[in-house]
Amino acid sequence: MLNTHGSYLFGYYQKAFDVAKAVMSSSLGQQLRDGPRELVVDYVLNMESLFEQYSQVVIERELSYIKSYDHLGNLDEVTPVRSPSVNPFEGEGQIYHEPDHALQEGDETLAVLDSKHYAEGHDPVKESSSRSRLFSYAYLLHADRLAFLCPLLEPRRRRITQTGAELQIVSPEPDFTLYEYDKVVHDYLYDVLGQKSPELEAFRAVAENRLCLDGVEETNLSEAQSMSGPFTFKDVQNFSVVFT
């Protein structure tokens, strides 16, 4: 609802008020007079853009969760970057590439991800333009972990023959739900970050109550690498491991 009696508005609202009247006049096809008017504008929801934005929210949330059980602080500098701008030519900022998402640590790119809200069965890896764009991002960012985030495909891993890099379809199965999508994104990030911080496997097991600690608290895991901490073997001669 817009009331065109604007005498009570502050001066700095005047420009926005004039623009609003012009837009409404154009939409209604007639000059806007004094008095209240209602305007309903049809719009198209861009699912590709919406899914990309939602994926970024999920990546940020799941990375935050992984960091919460990284008791050694190895992931403190890892950040989820949305649409990082990559300029292939020095001094020519107007030429750039922008992947949807990247997982970065300082100047190093750990993974490049693209969100694709495609129809069921439509594999972006088999689409030349989508595949080529992702490959170009990986080349420019020196990344060897690539992923398409897709809500309606079967998950799959592929190995790129020439470079050894891995390209993965990240998708929940059997059906898309918000919970399952969060889970597969978490698993993907965990898999990427586990390569640089293998201790995450034990830390995650504790966080998910799959591994019990005896005589110590979870907060003590920050001393896991300390030679004088609670996880040091006090009596090496009597230490034994039983494999079953």
Protein backbone atom coordinates (compact mmCIF):
# COMPACT_ATOMS: atom_id res chain seq x y z
CA MET A 1 0.00 0.00 0.00
CA LEU A 2 1.41 3.41 -0.99
CA ASN A 3 -0.19 6.69 0.11
CA THR A 4 0.69 9.53 -2.26
CA HIS A 5 0.14 12.24 0.38
CA GLY A 6 3.84 12.70 1.00
CA SER A 7 4.00 16.08 2.72
CA TYR A 8 4.91 14.47 6.03
CA LEU A 9 7.95 12.63 4.58
CA PHE A 10 11.46 13.82 5.26
CA GLY A 11 13.29 15.38 2.36
CA TYR A 12 15.67 12.47 1.92
CA TYR A 13 12.72 10.17 1.12
CA GLN A 14 11.60 12.36 -1.78
CA LYS A 15 13.74 10.73 -4.50
CA ALA A 16 12.67 7.21 -3.52
CA PHE A 17 9.06 8.43 -3.32
CA ASP A 18 9.22 9.90 -6.83
CA VAL A 19 10.76 6.71 -8.23
CA ALA A 20 8.03 4.61 -6.56
CA LYS A 21 5.32 6.78 -8.11
CA ALA A 22 6.96 6.53 -11.53
CA VAL A 23 7.18 2.72 -11.31
CA MET A 24 3.58 2.41 -10.20
CA SER A 25 2.35 4.83 -12.85
CA SER A 26 4.14 2.80 -15.52
CA SER A 27 2.77 -0.48 -14.14
CA LEU A 28 -0.79 0.81 -13.88
CA GLY A 29 -0.69 2.45 -17.29
CA GLN A 30 -1.99 5.76 -15.94
CA GLN A 31 -0.80 8.77 -14.00
CA LEU A 32 -0.78 8.13 -10.25
CA ARG A 33 -2.99 10.61 -8.39
CA ASP A 34 -3.33 11.32 -4.70
CA GLY A 35 -4.78 8.64 -2.49
CA PRO A 36 -4.00 5.01 -1.61
CA ARG A 37 -3.25 2.43 -4.29
CA GLU A 38 -2.47 -1.27 -4.20
CA LEU A 39 -0.17 -2.84 -6.75
CA VAL A 40 0.41 -6.56 -7.24
CA VAL A 41 3.45 -7.38 -9.40
CA ASP A 42 3.93 -10.82 -10.90
CA TYR A 43 7.42 -12.26 -10.56
CA VAL A 44 9.37 -15.31 -11.63
CA LEU A 45 11.29 -17.23 -8.99
CA ASN A 46 14.73 -18.15 -10.28
CA MET A 47 15.28 -21.60 -8.76
CA GLU A 48 18.90 -21.73 -9.96
CA SER A 49 19.73 -18.55 -8.06
CA LEU A 50 17.68 -19.59 -5.03
CA PHE A 51 19.38 -22.98 -4.85
CA GLU A 52 22.80 -21.36 -5.18
CA GLN A 53 22.05 -19.02 -2.28
CA TYR A 54 20.69 -21.85 -0.16
CA SER A 55 23.74 -24.00 -0.94
CA GLN A 56 26.01 -21.21 0.27
CA VAL A 57 24.07 -21.04 3.54
CA VAL A 58 24.41 -24.81 3.98
CA ILE A 59 28.14 -24.75 3.18
CA GLU A 60 28.73 -22.01 5.74
CA ARG A 61 26.65 -23.78 8.39
CA GLU A 62 28.22 -27.20 7.89
CA LEU A 63 31.75 -25.78 7.80
CA SER A 64 31.01 -24.02 11.09
CA TYR A 65 29.87 -27.35 12.56
CA ILE A 66 33.03 -29.12 11.38
CA LYS A 67 35.13 -26.35 12.92
CA SER A 68 33.28 -26.87 16.21
CA TYR A 69 34.85 -30.34 16.57
CA ASP A 70 38.24 -29.36 15.13
CA HIS A 71 39.85 -29.23 18.57
CA LEU A 72 43.33 -28.54 17.16
CA GLY A 73 42.32 -25.40 15.29
CA ASN A 74 43.69 -26.69 12.00
CA LEU A 75 40.71 -25.26 10.11
CA ASP A 76 40.68 -21.78 11.62
CA GLU A 77 41.75 -20.15 8.36
CA VAL A 78 39.38 -22.13 6.12
CA THR A 79 36.59 -19.96 4.71
CA PRO A 80 33.56 -20.60 2.46
CA VAL A 81 33.67 -17.99 -0.29
CA ARG A 82 30.68 -17.24 -2.48
CA SER A 83 31.40 -16.36 -6.10
CA PRO A 84 35.12 -15.58 -5.73
CA SER A 85 36.29 -13.40 -8.60
CA VAL A 86 39.24 -14.83 -10.53
CA ASN A 87 41.05 -12.48 -12.93
CA PRO A 88 43.19 -14.40 -15.44
CA PHE A 89 44.92 -11.28 -16.82
CA GLU A 90 46.76 -8.73 -14.76
CA GLY A 91 45.34 -5.23 -15.08
CA GLU A 92 42.17 -6.37 -16.87
CA GLY A 93 39.62 -6.55 -14.07
CA GLN A 94 36.71 -6.62 -16.49
CA ILE A 95 37.72 -10.14 -17.52
CA TYR A 96 36.93 -12.54 -14.73
CA HIS A 97 35.57 -15.97 -13.79
CA GLU A 98 33.25 -16.60 -10.85
CA PRO A 99 32.48 -20.11 -9.57
CA ASP A 100 29.43 -20.34 -7.33
CA HIS A 101 31.36 -21.46 -4.24
CA ALA A 102 34.92 -22.11 -3.14
CA LEU A 103 36.49 -23.52 -0.02
CA GLN A 104 39.66 -21.55 0.61
CA GLU A 105 42.48 -21.36 3.12
CA GLY A 106 44.41 -18.18 2.60
CA ASP A 107 45.53 -18.15 -1.04
CA GLU A 108 44.94 -21.89 -1.45
CA THR A 109 41.69 -23.20 -2.91
CA LEU A 110 40.76 -26.54 -1.38
CA ALA A 111 37.62 -27.15 -3.46
CA VAL A 112 35.50 -25.49 -6.13
CA LEU A 113 31.75 -26.11 -6.16
CA ASP A 114 28.96 -25.17 -8.56
CA SER A 115 25.26 -25.34 -7.72
CA LYS A 116 23.06 -26.80 -10.47
CA HIS A 117 19.31 -26.98 -9.98
CA TYR A 118 18.75 -29.24 -12.96
CA ALA A 119 15.90 -31.57 -13.73
CA GLU A 120 16.14 -35.14 -12.50
CA GLY A 121 18.60 -37.15 -14.55
CA HIS A 122 20.25 -34.09 -16.13
CA ASP A 123 23.95 -34.59 -15.37
CA PRO A 124 25.95 -31.31 -15.64
CA VAL A 125 29.15 -33.31 -16.16
CA LYS A 126 27.75 -34.43 -19.51
CA GLU A 127 26.93 -30.85 -20.46
CA SER A 128 29.95 -29.37 -22.21
CA SER A 129 29.50 -25.75 -21.12
CA SER A 130 28.99 -26.52 -17.41
CA ARG A 131 31.87 -29.00 -17.37
CA SER A 132 34.20 -26.61 -19.19
CA ARG A 133 33.44 -23.76 -16.79
CA LEU A 134 34.15 -25.92 -13.76
CA PHE A 135 37.40 -27.15 -15.32
CA SER A 136 38.45 -23.57 -16.03
CA TYR A 137 37.79 -22.60 -12.40
CA ALA A 138 39.89 -25.55 -11.22
CA TYR A 139 42.71 -24.66 -13.58
CA LEU A 140 42.83 -21.00 -12.55
CA LEU A 141 42.53 -21.75 -8.84
CA HIS A 142 44.85 -24.82 -8.83
CA ALA A 143 42.13 -26.92 -7.21
CA ASP A 144 41.97 -30.71 -7.42
CA ARG A 145 38.59 -31.19 -5.71
CA LEU A 146 35.58 -30.21 -7.84
CA ALA A 147 31.89 -30.71 -7.18
CA PHE A 148 28.48 -30.06 -8.66
CA LEU A 149 25.82 -29.57 -5.99
CA CYS A 150 22.63 -31.06 -7.45
CA PRO A 151 19.34 -31.78 -5.66
CA LEU A 152 17.96 -34.41 -8.04
CA LEU A 153 20.84 -36.58 -9.26
CA GLU A 154 22.52 -39.76 -8.11
CA PRO A 155 25.81 -39.07 -6.30
CA ARG A 156 28.89 -40.08 -8.24
CA ARG A 157 32.67 -39.66 -8.16
CA ARG A 158 34.82 -39.33 -11.26
CA ARG A 159 38.59 -39.16 -11.55
CA ILE A 160 40.02 -36.80 -14.17
CA THR A 161 42.53 -38.88 -16.10
CA GLN A 162 44.97 -36.12 -17.06
CA THR A 163 45.33 -34.46 -13.63
CA GLY A 164 44.14 -36.94 -11.02
CA ALA A 165 41.64 -34.36 -9.73
CA GLU A 166 38.28 -35.60 -8.46
CA LEU A 167 34.92 -34.42 -9.76
CA GLN A 168 31.95 -35.34 -7.62
CA ILE A 169 28.18 -35.07 -7.92
CA VAL A 170 26.98 -34.15 -4.43
CA SER A 171 23.33 -35.06 -4.07
CA PRO A 172 21.14 -36.63 -1.38
CA GLU A 173 19.55 -40.01 -1.93
CA PRO A 174 17.08 -41.44 -2.45
CA ASP A 175 15.08 -38.19 -2.37
CA PHE A 176 15.87 -34.56 -1.68
CA THR A 177 15.15 -33.30 1.82
CA LEU A 178 16.75 -30.35 3.60
CA TYR A 179 18.15 -32.68 6.26
CA GLU A 180 19.69 -35.07 3.73
CA TYR A 181 21.12 -32.19 1.69
CA ASP A 182 22.77 -30.74 4.79
CA LYS A 183 24.22 -34.17 5.52
CA VAL A 184 25.76 -34.77 2.08
CA VAL A 185 27.27 -31.28 2.02
CA HIS A 186 28.72 -31.91 5.47
CA ASP A 187 30.16 -35.24 4.33
CA TYR A 188 31.73 -33.63 1.27
CA LEU A 189 33.37 -30.82 3.24
CA TYR A 190 34.53 -33.30 5.86
CA ASP A 191 36.08 -35.49 3.16
CA VAL A 192 37.96 -32.53 1.64
CA LEU A 193 39.16 -31.18 4.99
CA GLY A 194 40.05 -34.63 6.31
CA GLN A 195 42.88 -34.77 3.79
CA LYS A 196 44.65 -31.92 5.57
CA SER A 197 43.51 -32.77 9.08
CA PRO A 198 43.16 -36.55 9.57
CA GLU A 199 42.43 -36.06 13.29
CA LEU A 200 38.94 -34.97 12.26
CA GLU A 201 37.91 -38.61 11.95
CA ALA A 202 38.31 -39.24 15.67
CA PHE A 203 36.98 -35.81 16.63
CA ARG A 204 33.84 -36.30 14.54
CA ALA A 205 33.26 -39.73 16.04
CA VAL A 206 33.35 -38.19 19.52
CA ALA A 207 31.05 -35.34 18.50
CA GLU A 208 28.52 -37.80 17.09
CA ASN A 209 28.76 -40.11 20.14
CA ARG A 210 30.29 -42.96 18.13
CA LEU A 211 33.48 -42.88 20.17
CA CYS A 212 33.55 -42.67 23.96
CA LEU A 213 36.24 -41.00 26.03
CA ASP A 214 37.25 -42.60 29.32
CA GLY A 215 38.49 -40.36 32.11
CA VAL A 216 38.77 -37.22 29.96
CA GLU A 217 36.41 -34.61 28.60
CA GLU A 218 35.84 -33.70 24.98
CA THR A 219 37.50 -30.33 25.64
CA ASN A 220 40.73 -32.24 26.43
CA LEU A 221 40.98 -33.19 22.76
CA SER A 222 42.75 -29.88 22.17
CA GLU A 223 45.74 -31.60 23.83
CA ALA A 224 45.58 -34.64 21.57
CA GLN A 225 49.05 -33.94 20.15
CA SER A 226 50.67 -32.90 23.41
CA MET A 227 53.40 -35.24 24.62
CA SER A 228 52.46 -34.41 28.22
CA GLY A 229 48.69 -34.34 27.76
CA PRO A 230 46.01 -36.75 28.95
CA PHE A 231 46.32 -38.90 25.81
CA THR A 232 49.99 -39.74 26.30
CA PHE A 233 50.76 -43.38 27.08
CA LYS A 234 52.02 -43.40 30.65
CA ASP A 235 53.27 -46.97 30.57
CA VAL A 236 54.47 -47.90 27.09
CA GLN A 237 55.53 -51.40 28.15
CA ASN A 238 52.01 -52.32 29.19
CA PHE A 239 50.35 -50.64 26.22
CA SER A 240 48.69 -52.98 23.77
CA VAL A 241 46.24 -52.72 20.90
CA VAL A 242 43.72 -55.44 20.21
CA PHE A 243 42.32 -55.65 16.70
CA THR A 244 39.04 -57.45 16.17
